[in-house]
Amino acid sequence: MTEEPLEVAGLPKEIVKVSAGYHHSSAITVDGELYMWGKNTNGQLGLGKKAATILSTPSKVEFLTGVTVKIISLGFEHSIAVTDKGETLSWGGGGSGRLGHGHQSGILGLFKSDSEYTPRLVKELEGFKIKNAAAGMLHSVCISENGSVYVFGERAKKKLGYGEASNNSVPSMIDEIPYSEKAACGGYHTCVITGGGELYVWGTNENGCLGIGSTDVAHSPERVEGPFLRHSVSEVWFSMVSCGWKHTAAISGGNVYTWGWGGSHGTFSVEGHSSGGQLGQGSDVDYIEPTIVNFHRHMKALQISCGFNHTGAILEYS
């Protein structure tokens, strides 16, 4: 454990993108090579069955040699990558269908291990050029170049809506959302930004993490309006969104908005202290609508990212 930032050793080339999961991390080099490190109990590092269960230094994913990786997203125990050709690969723990490969039965109809220890092409997305992908705790989302949204993972238990879907282990297209650009997955909720900057959400809505003004489950996509109701539609646009376990953060008009679980009621408390603060609102209270974060200086938000129960942002002060 370290309390100060340390440079990650073992990365031989310039890094252009990074992604962090629950217990594993990744980096993409300038020429599209993928390096991974951290926990590997379900093959989430993509290094093969013989790889160690924990790697403390980055290791190149040799199974992707000759493939140029453009996007990487890490979930709880799985990973999703998109190549420069728009192909989607996934690996790691496949429970709940979150890898998108379909259920495989073994001898006597029993399920085989659902883990994939090396990157595997998501066959159901072949023919669709994918431009964005997101991995959550038990589900995944991909967006194709034509703006269509595909979801796979835990939906049968009604935690993500679409409770009557016959097969949640292969990608299913969602029709209710306009042309889409970006996606983010939380513990049991999903956010999608459309080409027009609108934000659509669905899922369990625990602690108000959907931002729709209530804690009611959304079984189909709903547009987030919240404090923007009084503005015209043309003024309502989001440029970035990120999901934590039960909280959400987004950038709109250069400002940071947060909502959902604030750490209230001492959830995951240690010695009576709440683990709150992830909303940046100066309290551990839950918010059920997007609420602006006051940085007490004039600034423009450039990037936002949610962890399990914390949030980080890159700001440009003027």
C-alpha atoms as a PDB file:
ATOM      1  CA  MET A   1       0.000   0.000   0.000  1.00  0.00           C
ATOM      2  CA  THR A   2       1.266   3.486  -0.859  1.00  0.00           C
ATOM      3  CA  GLU A   3      -0.124   6.874   0.083  1.00  0.00           C
ATOM      4  CA  GLU A   4       1.628   8.754  -2.725  1.00  0.00           C
ATOM      5  CA  PRO A   5       1.566   8.328  -6.523  1.00  0.00           C
ATOM      6  CA  LEU A   6       4.277   6.032  -7.885  1.00  0.00           C
ATOM      7  CA  GLU A   7       5.368   5.523 -11.465  1.00  0.00           C
ATOM      8  CA  VAL A   8       4.321   2.133 -12.844  1.00  0.00           C
ATOM      9  CA  ALA A   9       7.445   0.189 -13.754  1.00  0.00           C
ATOM     10  CA  GLY A  10       7.650  -2.255 -16.644  1.00  0.00           C
ATOM     11  CA  LEU A  11       5.924  -0.236 -19.365  1.00  0.00           C
ATOM     12  CA  PRO A  12       8.510   0.060 -22.164  1.00  0.00           C
ATOM     13  CA  LYS A  13       6.566   2.378 -24.479  1.00  0.00           C
ATOM     14  CA  GLU A  14       4.565   5.582 -24.385  1.00  0.00           C
ATOM     15  CA  ILE A  15       1.101   4.994 -22.910  1.00  0.00           C
ATOM     16  CA  VAL A  16      -1.971   6.590 -24.497  1.00  0.00           C
ATOM     17  CA  LYS A  17      -4.839   5.042 -22.467  1.00  0.00           C
ATOM     18  CA  VAL A  18      -5.332   3.382 -19.096  1.00  0.00           C
ATOM     19  CA  SER A  19      -8.256   1.624 -17.437  1.00  0.00           C
ATOM     20  CA  ALA A  20      -8.799   0.277 -13.923  1.00  0.00           C
ATOM     21  CA  GLY A  21     -11.129  -2.500 -12.797  1.00  0.00           C
ATOM     22  CA  TYR A  22     -11.991  -3.642  -9.283  1.00  0.00           C
ATOM     23  CA  HIS A  23      -8.657  -5.409  -8.726  1.00  0.00           C
ATOM     24  CA  HIS A  24      -6.846  -5.184 -12.075  1.00  0.00           C
ATOM     25  CA  SER A  25      -5.398  -2.482 -14.325  1.00  0.00           C
ATOM     26  CA  SER A  26      -4.399  -1.999 -17.953  1.00  0.00           C
ATOM     27  CA  ALA A  27      -2.531   0.292 -20.307  1.00  0.00           C
ATOM     28  CA  ILE A  28      -2.504   0.685 -24.094  1.00  0.00           C
ATOM     29  CA  THR A  29       0.742   1.746 -25.742  1.00  0.00           C
ATOM     30  CA  VAL A  30       1.083   4.259 -28.551  1.00  0.00           C
ATOM     31  CA  ASP A  31       1.252   1.411 -31.074  1.00  0.00           C
ATOM     32  CA  GLY A  32      -1.757  -0.460 -29.709  1.00  0.00           C
ATOM     33  CA  GLU A  33      -0.146  -3.077 -27.486  1.00  0.00           C
ATOM     34  CA  LEU A  34      -2.000  -4.045 -24.300  1.00  0.00           C
ATOM     35  CA  TYR A  35      -0.340  -4.458 -20.895  1.00  0.00           C
ATOM     36  CA  MET A  36      -2.175  -5.716 -17.800  1.00  0.00           C
ATOM     37  CA  TRP A  37      -1.479  -6.299 -14.116  1.00  0.00           C
ATOM     38  CA  GLY A  38      -3.219  -6.977 -10.809  1.00  0.00           C
ATOM     39  CA  LYS A  39      -5.550  -9.780  -9.739  1.00  0.00           C
ATOM     40  CA  ASN A  40      -5.952 -12.635 -12.210  1.00  0.00           C
ATOM     41  CA  THR A  41      -8.096 -15.215 -10.395  1.00  0.00           C
ATOM     42  CA  ASN A  42     -10.578 -15.526 -13.286  1.00  0.00           C
ATOM     43  CA  GLY A  43      -8.253 -14.853 -16.193  1.00  0.00           C
ATOM     44  CA  GLN A  44      -9.130 -11.157 -16.334  1.00  0.00           C
ATOM     45  CA  LEU A  45      -5.559 -10.284 -17.374  1.00  0.00           C
ATOM     46  CA  GLY A  46      -5.855 -12.362 -20.557  1.00  0.00           C
ATOM     47  CA  LEU A  47      -2.463 -14.010 -20.060  1.00  0.00           C
ATOM     48  CA  GLY A  48      -3.530 -17.665 -20.290  1.00  0.00           C
ATOM     49  CA  LYS A  49      -4.428 -20.404 -17.812  1.00  0.00           C
ATOM     50  CA  LYS A  50      -0.860 -20.854 -16.579  1.00  0.00           C
ATOM     51  CA  ALA A  51      -0.404 -17.206 -15.573  1.00  0.00           C
ATOM     52  CA  ALA A  52      -0.062 -16.305 -11.899  1.00  0.00           C
ATOM     53  CA  THR A  53      -3.172 -15.310  -9.948  1.00  0.00           C
ATOM     54  CA  ILE A  54      -1.592 -11.947  -9.086  1.00  0.00           C
ATOM     55  CA  LEU A  55       0.859  -9.926 -11.191  1.00  0.00           C
ATOM     56  CA  SER A  56       2.445  -6.922  -9.513  1.00  0.00           C
ATOM     57  CA  THR A  57       4.055  -5.556 -12.694  1.00  0.00           C
ATOM     58  CA  PRO A  58       2.557  -4.985 -16.172  1.00  0.00           C
ATOM     59  CA  SER A  59       2.683  -7.915 -18.575  1.00  0.00           C
ATOM     60  CA  LYS A  60       2.065  -7.722 -22.314  1.00  0.00           C
ATOM     61  CA  VAL A  61      -0.981  -9.659 -23.530  1.00  0.00           C
ATOM     62  CA  GLU A  62       0.886 -11.817 -26.033  1.00  0.00           C
ATOM     63  CA  PHE A  63      -2.325 -13.390 -27.324  1.00  0.00           C
ATOM     64  CA  LEU A  64      -3.074 -10.017 -28.954  1.00  0.00           C
ATOM     65  CA  THR A  65       0.231  -9.803 -30.810  1.00  0.00           C
ATOM     66  CA  GLY A  66      -0.438  -8.367 -34.258  1.00  0.00           C
ATOM     67  CA  VAL A  67      -3.711  -6.801 -33.075  1.00  0.00           C
ATOM     68  CA  THR A  68      -3.968  -3.043 -32.525  1.00  0.00           C
ATOM     69  CA  VAL A  69      -6.026  -2.311 -29.410  1.00  0.00           C
ATOM     70  CA  LYS A  70      -7.827   1.053 -29.366  1.00  0.00           C
ATOM     71  CA  ILE A  71     -10.180   0.724 -26.371  1.00  0.00           C
ATOM     72  CA  ILE A  72      -9.968  -1.195 -23.094  1.00  0.00           C
ATOM     73  CA  SER A  73     -12.521  -1.299 -20.283  1.00  0.00           C
ATOM     74  CA  LEU A  74     -12.220  -3.310 -17.076  1.00  0.00           C
ATOM     75  CA  GLY A  75     -15.082  -4.480 -14.891  1.00  0.00           C
ATOM     76  CA  PHE A  76     -15.252  -6.416 -11.629  1.00  0.00           C
ATOM     77  CA  GLU A  77     -13.570  -9.588 -12.907  1.00  0.00           C
ATOM     78  CA  HIS A  78     -13.652  -9.201 -16.681  1.00  0.00           C
ATOM     79  CA  SER A  79     -12.129  -7.136 -19.473  1.00  0.00           C
ATOM     80  CA  ILE A  80     -13.338  -5.891 -22.859  1.00  0.00           C
ATOM     81  CA  ALA A  81     -11.167  -4.560 -25.684  1.00  0.00           C
ATOM     82  CA  VAL A  82     -11.944  -3.065 -29.079  1.00  0.00           C
ATOM     83  CA  THR A  83      -9.445  -3.206 -31.945  1.00  0.00           C
ATOM     84  CA  ASP A  84      -8.710  -0.601 -34.607  1.00  0.00           C
ATOM     85  CA  LYS A  85     -10.959  -2.624 -36.934  1.00  0.00           C
ATOM     86  CA  GLY A  86     -13.886  -2.355 -34.538  1.00  0.00           C
ATOM     87  CA  GLU A  87     -13.748  -5.979 -33.394  1.00  0.00           C
ATOM     88  CA  THR A  88     -14.711  -6.729 -29.779  1.00  0.00           C
ATOM     89  CA  LEU A  89     -12.839  -9.172 -27.543  1.00  0.00           C
ATOM     90  CA  SER A  90     -13.620 -10.127 -23.961  1.00  0.00           C
ATOM     91  CA  TRP A  91     -12.055 -12.304 -21.286  1.00  0.00           C
ATOM     92  CA  GLY A  92     -12.037 -13.050 -17.557  1.00  0.00           C
ATOM     93  CA  GLY A  93     -14.919 -14.178 -15.356  1.00  0.00           C
ATOM     94  CA  GLY A  94     -17.933 -14.839 -17.552  1.00  0.00           C
ATOM     95  CA  GLY A  95     -20.562 -15.241 -14.854  1.00  0.00           C
ATOM     96  CA  SER A  96     -23.958 -13.665 -15.647  1.00  0.00           C
ATOM     97  CA  GLY A  97     -23.076 -13.677 -19.353  1.00  0.00           C
ATOM     98  CA  ARG A  98     -20.996 -10.501 -19.103  1.00  0.00           C
ATOM     99  CA  LEU A  99     -18.481 -11.710 -21.743  1.00  0.00           C
ATOM    100  CA  GLY A 100     -21.146 -12.050 -24.430  1.00  0.00           C
ATOM    101  CA  HIS A 101     -20.092 -15.517 -25.625  1.00  0.00           C
ATOM    102  CA  GLY A 102     -23.273 -17.404 -24.717  1.00  0.00           C
ATOM    103  CA  HIS A 103     -23.670 -20.218 -22.214  1.00  0.00           C
ATOM    104  CA  GLN A 104     -21.783 -23.439 -22.932  1.00  0.00           C
ATOM    105  CA  SER A 105     -22.967 -26.765 -21.527  1.00  0.00           C
ATOM    106  CA  GLY A 106     -20.516 -29.511 -20.635  1.00  0.00           C
ATOM    107  CA  ILE A 107     -20.976 -33.206 -19.806  1.00  0.00           C
ATOM    108  CA  LEU A 108     -24.496 -34.162 -18.624  1.00  0.00           C
ATOM    109  CA  GLY A 109     -25.699 -30.667 -19.424  1.00  0.00           C
ATOM    110  CA  LEU A 110     -23.683 -29.047 -16.629  1.00  0.00           C
ATOM    111  CA  PHE A 111     -22.157 -25.652 -17.338  1.00  0.00           C
ATOM    112  CA  LYS A 112     -18.452 -25.510 -18.081  1.00  0.00           C
ATOM    113  CA  SER A 113     -16.223 -22.966 -16.388  1.00  0.00           C
ATOM    114  CA  ASP A 114     -17.440 -19.569 -17.522  1.00  0.00           C
ATOM    115  CA  SER A 115     -13.970 -18.004 -17.381  1.00  0.00           C
ATOM    116  CA  GLU A 116     -11.991 -17.085 -20.483  1.00  0.00           C
ATOM    117  CA  TYR A 117      -8.255 -16.912 -19.818  1.00  0.00           C
ATOM    118  CA  THR A 118      -7.299 -15.335 -23.150  1.00  0.00           C
ATOM    119  CA  PRO A 119      -9.026 -12.684 -25.297  1.00  0.00           C
ATOM    120  CA  ARG A 120     -11.917 -14.161 -27.264  1.00  0.00           C
ATOM    121  CA  LEU A 121     -13.804 -12.532 -30.127  1.00  0.00           C
ATOM    122  CA  VAL A 122     -17.459 -11.734 -29.373  1.00  0.00           C
ATOM    123  CA  LYS A 123     -18.958 -13.596 -32.341  1.00  0.00           C
ATOM    124  CA  GLU A 124     -22.408 -12.026 -32.056  1.00  0.00           C
ATOM    125  CA  LEU A 125     -20.874  -8.594 -32.758  1.00  0.00           C
ATOM    126  CA  GLU A 126     -19.004  -9.670 -35.876  1.00  0.00           C
ATOM    127  CA  GLY A 127     -20.004  -7.475 -38.780  1.00  0.00           C
ATOM    128  CA  PHE A 128     -20.651  -4.500 -36.477  1.00  0.00           C
ATOM    129  CA  LYS A 129     -17.812  -2.015 -36.151  1.00  0.00           C
ATOM    130  CA  ILE A 130     -17.719  -1.153 -32.434  1.00  0.00           C
ATOM    131  CA  LYS A 131     -16.567   2.344 -31.413  1.00  0.00           C
ATOM    132  CA  ASN A 132     -17.161   2.286 -27.633  1.00  0.00           C
ATOM    133  CA  ALA A 133     -17.303  -0.383 -24.925  1.00  0.00           C
ATOM    134  CA  ALA A 134     -17.863  -0.420 -21.170  1.00  0.00           C
ATOM    135  CA  ALA A 135     -17.546  -3.175 -18.563  1.00  0.00           C
ATOM    136  CA  GLY A 136     -19.559  -3.156 -15.340  1.00  0.00           C
ATOM    137  CA  MET A 137     -19.794  -5.487 -12.374  1.00  0.00           C
ATOM    138  CA  LEU A 138     -22.013  -8.120 -14.020  1.00  0.00           C
ATOM    139  CA  HIS A 139     -22.743  -6.695 -17.468  1.00  0.00           C
ATOM    140  CA  SER A 140     -21.200  -5.021 -20.496  1.00  0.00           C
ATOM    141  CA  VAL A 141     -22.244  -2.491 -23.140  1.00  0.00           C
ATOM    142  CA  CYS A 142     -20.950  -1.889 -26.674  1.00  0.00           C
ATOM    143  CA  ILE A 143     -21.877   0.867 -29.143  1.00  0.00           C
ATOM    144  CA  SER A 144     -21.493   0.323 -32.873  1.00  0.00           C
ATOM    145  CA  GLU A 145     -20.358   2.865 -35.437  1.00  0.00           C
ATOM    146  CA  ASN A 146     -23.975   3.351 -36.539  1.00  0.00           C
ATOM    147  CA  GLY A 147     -24.927   4.403 -32.980  1.00  0.00           C
ATOM    148  CA  SER A 148     -26.671   1.202 -31.870  1.00  0.00           C
ATOM    149  CA  VAL A 149     -26.356   0.040 -28.251  1.00  0.00           C
ATOM    150  CA  TYR A 150     -25.736  -3.641 -27.413  1.00  0.00           C
ATOM    151  CA  VAL A 151     -25.995  -5.035 -23.880  1.00  0.00           C
ATOM    152  CA  PHE A 152     -25.032  -8.412 -22.421  1.00  0.00           C
ATOM    153  CA  GLY A 153     -24.810  -9.715 -18.868  1.00  0.00           C
ATOM    154  CA  GLU A 154     -27.106  -9.850 -15.894  1.00  0.00           C
ATOM    155  CA  ARG A 155     -30.597  -8.819 -16.961  1.00  0.00           C
ATOM    156  CA  ALA A 156     -32.632 -11.932 -16.201  1.00  0.00           C
ATOM    157  CA  LYS A 157     -32.782 -10.985 -12.516  1.00  0.00           C
ATOM    158  CA  LYS A 158     -34.337  -7.642 -13.432  1.00  0.00           C
ATOM    159  CA  LYS A 159     -31.375  -5.723 -12.056  1.00  0.00           C
ATOM    160  CA  LEU A 160     -30.797  -4.105 -15.429  1.00  0.00           C
ATOM    161  CA  GLY A 161     -34.316  -4.197 -16.791  1.00  0.00           C
ATOM    162  CA  TYR A 162     -35.279  -6.322 -19.793  1.00  0.00           C
ATOM    163  CA  GLY A 163     -36.158  -9.018 -17.243  1.00  0.00           C
ATOM    164  CA  GLU A 164     -37.911 -11.215 -19.796  1.00  0.00           C
ATOM    165  CA  ALA A 165     -34.933 -11.447 -22.171  1.00  0.00           C
ATOM    166  CA  SER A 166     -34.494 -15.088 -23.191  1.00  0.00           C
ATOM    167  CA  ASN A 167     -30.707 -15.015 -23.413  1.00  0.00           C
ATOM    168  CA  ASN A 168     -28.672 -12.463 -21.528  1.00  0.00           C
ATOM    169  CA  SER A 169     -25.314 -14.069 -22.361  1.00  0.00           C
ATOM    170  CA  VAL A 170     -25.099 -12.740 -25.934  1.00  0.00           C
ATOM    171  CA  PRO A 171     -25.377  -9.101 -27.074  1.00  0.00           C
ATOM    172  CA  SER A 172     -28.910  -7.707 -27.454  1.00  0.00           C
ATOM    173  CA  MET A 173     -29.645  -4.396 -29.173  1.00  0.00           C
ATOM    174  CA  ILE A 174     -31.635  -1.747 -27.306  1.00  0.00           C
ATOM    175  CA  ASP A 175     -34.058   0.085 -29.575  1.00  0.00           C
ATOM    176  CA  GLU A 176     -35.240   2.854 -27.258  1.00  0.00           C
ATOM    177  CA  ILE A 177     -32.156   5.102 -27.469  1.00  0.00           C
ATOM    178  CA  PRO A 178     -31.273   7.555 -30.272  1.00  0.00           C
ATOM    179  CA  TYR A 179     -27.932   7.442 -32.090  1.00  0.00           C
ATOM    180  CA  SER A 180     -25.398   6.873 -29.295  1.00  0.00           C
ATOM    181  CA  GLU A 181     -21.747   7.733 -28.730  1.00  0.00           C
ATOM    182  CA  LYS A 182     -20.543   6.719 -25.252  1.00  0.00           C
ATOM    183  CA  ALA A 183     -21.478   4.230 -22.548  1.00  0.00           C
ATOM    184  CA  ALA A 184     -20.631   3.668 -18.876  1.00  0.00           C
ATOM    185  CA  CYS A 185     -21.523   0.763 -16.574  1.00  0.00           C
ATOM    186  CA  GLY A 186     -21.834   0.777 -12.797  1.00  0.00           C
ATOM    187  CA  GLY A 187     -22.626  -1.996 -10.355  1.00  0.00           C
ATOM    188  CA  TYR A 188     -26.159  -2.531 -11.632  1.00  0.00           C
ATOM    189  CA  HIS A 189     -26.833   0.553 -13.735  1.00  0.00           C
ATOM    190  CA  THR A 190     -25.962   1.791 -17.209  1.00  0.00           C
ATOM    191  CA  CYS A 191     -25.560   5.252 -18.762  1.00  0.00           C
ATOM    192  CA  VAL A 192     -25.423   6.141 -22.460  1.00  0.00           C
ATOM    193  CA  ILE A 193     -24.695   9.529 -24.054  1.00  0.00           C
ATOM    194  CA  THR A 194     -26.336  10.094 -27.430  1.00  0.00           C
ATOM    195  CA  GLY A 195     -24.930  11.952 -30.405  1.00  0.00           C
ATOM    196  CA  GLY A 196     -26.958  14.983 -29.318  1.00  0.00           C
ATOM    197  CA  GLY A 197     -25.485  14.957 -25.815  1.00  0.00           C
ATOM    198  CA  GLU A 198     -28.561  13.504 -24.119  1.00  0.00           C
ATOM    199  CA  LEU A 199     -28.053  11.095 -21.231  1.00  0.00           C
ATOM    200  CA  TYR A 200     -30.120   7.905 -21.003  1.00  0.00           C
ATOM    201  CA  VAL A 201     -29.991   5.617 -17.965  1.00  0.00           C
ATOM    202  CA  TRP A 202     -31.498   2.362 -16.713  1.00  0.00           C
ATOM    203  CA  GLY A 203     -30.950  -0.220 -13.974  1.00  0.00           C
ATOM    204  CA  THR A 204     -31.574  -0.726 -10.268  1.00  0.00           C
ATOM    205  CA  ASN A 205     -31.332   2.949  -9.238  1.00  0.00           C
ATOM    206  CA  GLU A 206     -30.093   2.153  -5.719  1.00  0.00           C
ATOM    207  CA  ASN A 207     -29.451   5.380  -3.797  1.00  0.00           C
ATOM    208  CA  GLY A 208     -30.663   7.385  -6.798  1.00  0.00           C
ATOM    209  CA  CYS A 209     -27.713   6.488  -9.028  1.00  0.00           C
ATOM    210  CA  LEU A 210     -29.802   6.987 -12.195  1.00  0.00           C
ATOM    211  CA  GLY A 211     -30.420  10.673 -11.453  1.00  0.00           C
ATOM    212  CA  ILE A 212     -34.069  10.589 -12.537  1.00  0.00           C
ATOM    213  CA  GLY A 213     -35.472  12.182  -9.377  1.00  0.00           C
ATOM    214  CA  SER A 214     -36.468   8.968  -7.628  1.00  0.00           C
ATOM    215  CA  THR A 215     -35.076   5.612  -6.515  1.00  0.00           C
ATOM    216  CA  ASP A 216     -37.445   3.611  -8.710  1.00  0.00           C
ATOM    217  CA  VAL A 217     -35.956   0.890 -10.890  1.00  0.00           C
ATOM    218  CA  ALA A 218     -35.844   1.815 -14.593  1.00  0.00           C
ATOM    219  CA  HIS A 219     -36.502  -1.300 -16.690  1.00  0.00           C
ATOM    220  CA  SER A 220     -35.977   0.636 -19.916  1.00  0.00           C
ATOM    221  CA  PRO A 221     -33.851   3.686 -20.789  1.00  0.00           C
ATOM    222  CA  GLU A 222     -34.972   7.024 -19.325  1.00  0.00           C
ATOM    223  CA  ARG A 223     -33.592  10.422 -20.214  1.00  0.00           C
ATOM    224  CA  VAL A 224     -31.896  12.320 -17.366  1.00  0.00           C
ATOM    225  CA  GLU A 225     -33.206  15.849 -16.942  1.00  0.00           C
ATOM    226  CA  GLY A 226     -32.969  16.735 -13.249  1.00  0.00           C
ATOM    227  CA  PRO A 227     -31.933  20.376 -12.737  1.00  0.00           C
ATOM    228  CA  PHE A 228     -31.945  20.968 -16.494  1.00  0.00           C
ATOM    229  CA  LEU A 229     -35.739  20.776 -16.802  1.00  0.00           C
ATOM    230  CA  ARG A 230     -36.111  24.537 -17.004  1.00  0.00           C
ATOM    231  CA  HIS A 231     -33.670  24.804 -19.913  1.00  0.00           C
ATOM    232  CA  SER A 232     -34.434  24.145 -23.544  1.00  0.00           C
ATOM    233  CA  VAL A 233     -33.451  20.771 -24.966  1.00  0.00           C
ATOM    234  CA  SER A 234     -30.727  22.366 -27.089  1.00  0.00           C
ATOM    235  CA  GLU A 235     -28.939  23.535 -23.924  1.00  0.00           C
ATOM    236  CA  VAL A 236     -29.000  20.118 -22.264  1.00  0.00           C
ATOM    237  CA  TRP A 237     -25.929  18.162 -23.299  1.00  0.00           C
ATOM    238  CA  PHE A 238     -23.458  15.851 -21.641  1.00  0.00           C
ATOM    239  CA  SER A 239     -19.941  15.316 -22.913  1.00  0.00           C
ATOM    240  CA  MET A 240     -18.812  12.561 -20.541  1.00  0.00           C
ATOM    241  CA  VAL A 241     -20.261  10.164 -17.967  1.00  0.00           C
ATOM    242  CA  SER A 242     -18.766   7.628 -15.559  1.00  0.00           C
ATOM    243  CA  CYS A 243     -20.357   5.159 -13.138  1.00  0.00           C
ATOM    244  CA  GLY A 244     -19.205   3.923  -9.755  1.00  0.00           C
ATOM    245  CA  TRP A 245     -20.820   1.078  -7.840  1.00  0.00           C
ATOM    246  CA  LYS A 246     -23.906   3.102  -6.880  1.00  0.00           C
ATOM    247  CA  HIS A 247     -22.997   6.652  -7.908  1.00  0.00           C
ATOM    248  CA  THR A 248     -22.593   8.532 -11.169  1.00  0.00           C
ATOM    249  CA  ALA A 249     -20.627  11.576 -12.340  1.00  0.00           C
ATOM    250  CA  ALA A 250     -20.931  13.498 -15.589  1.00  0.00           C
ATOM    251  CA  ILE A 251     -19.643  16.595 -17.348  1.00  0.00           C
ATOM    252  CA  SER A 252     -22.145  19.034 -18.836  1.00  0.00           C
ATOM    253  CA  GLY A 253     -21.199  22.457 -20.149  1.00  0.00           C
ATOM    254  CA  GLY A 254     -17.760  22.135 -18.561  1.00  0.00           C
ATOM    255  CA  ASN A 255     -19.267  21.561 -15.090  1.00  0.00           C
ATOM    256  CA  VAL A 256     -19.140  18.367 -13.021  1.00  0.00           C
ATOM    257  CA  TYR A 257     -22.443  16.903 -11.813  1.00  0.00           C
ATOM    258  CA  THR A 258     -22.720  13.968  -9.416  1.00  0.00           C
ATOM    259  CA  TRP A 259     -25.589  11.902  -8.029  1.00  0.00           C
ATOM    260  CA  GLY A 260     -26.414   8.604  -6.321  1.00  0.00           C
ATOM    261  CA  TRP A 261     -24.791   7.019  -3.291  1.00  0.00           C
ATOM    262  CA  GLY A 262     -23.068   9.599  -1.124  1.00  0.00           C
ATOM    263  CA  GLY A 263     -22.053   7.117   1.564  1.00  0.00           C
ATOM    264  CA  SER A 264     -25.060   7.851   3.730  1.00  0.00           C
ATOM    265  CA  HIS A 265     -26.097   5.698   6.669  1.00  0.00           C
ATOM    266  CA  GLY A 266     -22.487   4.704   7.240  1.00  0.00           C
ATOM    267  CA  THR A 267     -22.508   2.121   4.454  1.00  0.00           C
ATOM    268  CA  PHE A 268     -19.232   0.157   4.611  1.00  0.00           C
ATOM    269  CA  SER A 269     -18.446   2.174   7.732  1.00  0.00           C
ATOM    270  CA  VAL A 270     -15.233   1.700   9.681  1.00  0.00           C
ATOM    271  CA  GLU A 271     -15.366   2.493  13.393  1.00  0.00           C
ATOM    272  CA  GLY A 272     -18.590   4.409  12.838  1.00  0.00           C
ATOM    273  CA  HIS A 273     -17.230   6.634  10.087  1.00  0.00           C
ATOM    274  CA  SER A 274     -18.994   6.748   6.732  1.00  0.00           C
ATOM    275  CA  SER A 275     -17.022   6.003   3.568  1.00  0.00           C
ATOM    276  CA  GLY A 276     -18.838   8.837   1.842  1.00  0.00           C
ATOM    277  CA  GLY A 277     -17.521  11.790  -0.104  1.00  0.00           C
ATOM    278  CA  GLN A 278     -17.593  10.282  -3.591  1.00  0.00           C
ATOM    279  CA  LEU A 279     -20.098  12.905  -4.780  1.00  0.00           C
ATOM    280  CA  GLY A 280     -17.880  15.831  -3.802  1.00  0.00           C
ATOM    281  CA  GLN A 281     -20.836  17.631  -2.218  1.00  0.00           C
ATOM    282  CA  GLY A 282     -19.237  18.026   1.218  1.00  0.00           C
ATOM    283  CA  SER A 283     -21.500  15.439   2.846  1.00  0.00           C
ATOM    284  CA  ASP A 284     -22.393  11.742   2.767  1.00  0.00           C
ATOM    285  CA  VAL A 285     -25.979  12.395   1.642  1.00  0.00           C
ATOM    286  CA  ASP A 286     -27.509  10.623  -1.376  1.00  0.00           C
ATOM    287  CA  TYR A 287     -28.631  12.772  -4.329  1.00  0.00           C
ATOM    288  CA  ILE A 288     -31.362  11.536  -6.678  1.00  0.00           C
ATOM    289  CA  GLU A 289     -30.796  14.238  -9.313  1.00  0.00           C
ATOM    290  CA  PRO A 290     -27.625  15.568 -10.973  1.00  0.00           C
ATOM    291  CA  THR A 291     -26.113  18.156  -8.621  1.00  0.00           C
ATOM    292  CA  ILE A 292     -23.309  20.504  -9.597  1.00  0.00           C
ATOM    293  CA  VAL A 293     -19.988  20.161  -7.754  1.00  0.00           C
ATOM    294  CA  ASN A 294     -18.720  23.520  -6.510  1.00  0.00           C
ATOM    295  CA  PHE A 295     -14.945  23.828  -6.881  1.00  0.00           C
ATOM    296  CA  HIS A 296     -15.002  27.456  -5.620  1.00  0.00           C
ATOM    297  CA  ARG A 297     -13.002  28.572  -8.640  1.00  0.00           C
ATOM    298  CA  HIS A 298     -13.856  29.185 -12.277  1.00  0.00           C
ATOM    299  CA  MET A 299     -12.857  26.070 -14.117  1.00  0.00           C
ATOM    300  CA  LYS A 300     -13.688  23.731 -17.000  1.00  0.00           C
ATOM    301  CA  ALA A 301     -13.942  19.985 -16.443  1.00  0.00           C
ATOM    302  CA  LEU A 302     -12.042  17.936 -19.029  1.00  0.00           C
ATOM    303  CA  GLN A 303     -12.411  14.376 -17.719  1.00  0.00           C
ATOM    304  CA  ILE A 304     -14.293  12.486 -15.020  1.00  0.00           C
ATOM    305  CA  SER A 305     -13.907   8.948 -13.679  1.00  0.00           C
ATOM    306  CA  CYS A 306     -15.688   7.036 -10.902  1.00  0.00           C
ATOM    307  CA  GLY A 307     -14.144   4.263  -8.854  1.00  0.00           C
ATOM    308  CA  PHE A 308     -16.055   1.871  -6.594  1.00  0.00           C
ATOM    309  CA  ASN A 309     -16.719   4.611  -4.027  1.00  0.00           C
ATOM    310  CA  HIS A 310     -14.538   7.541  -5.078  1.00  0.00           C
ATOM    311  CA  THR A 311     -14.364   9.995  -7.991  1.00  0.00           C
ATOM    312  CA  GLY A 312     -11.564  11.765  -9.862  1.00  0.00           C
ATOM    313  CA  ALA A 313     -11.619  14.625 -12.353  1.00  0.00           C
ATOM    314  CA  ILE A 314      -9.211  16.573 -14.546  1.00  0.00           C
ATOM    315  CA  LEU A 315      -9.947  20.291 -14.378  1.00  0.00           C
ATOM    316  CA  GLU A 316      -8.646  23.305 -16.287  1.00  0.00           C
ATOM    317  CA  TYR A 317      -8.656  26.406 -14.130  1.00  0.00           C
ATOM    318  CA  SER A 318      -8.822  29.901 -15.615  1.00  0.00           C
END
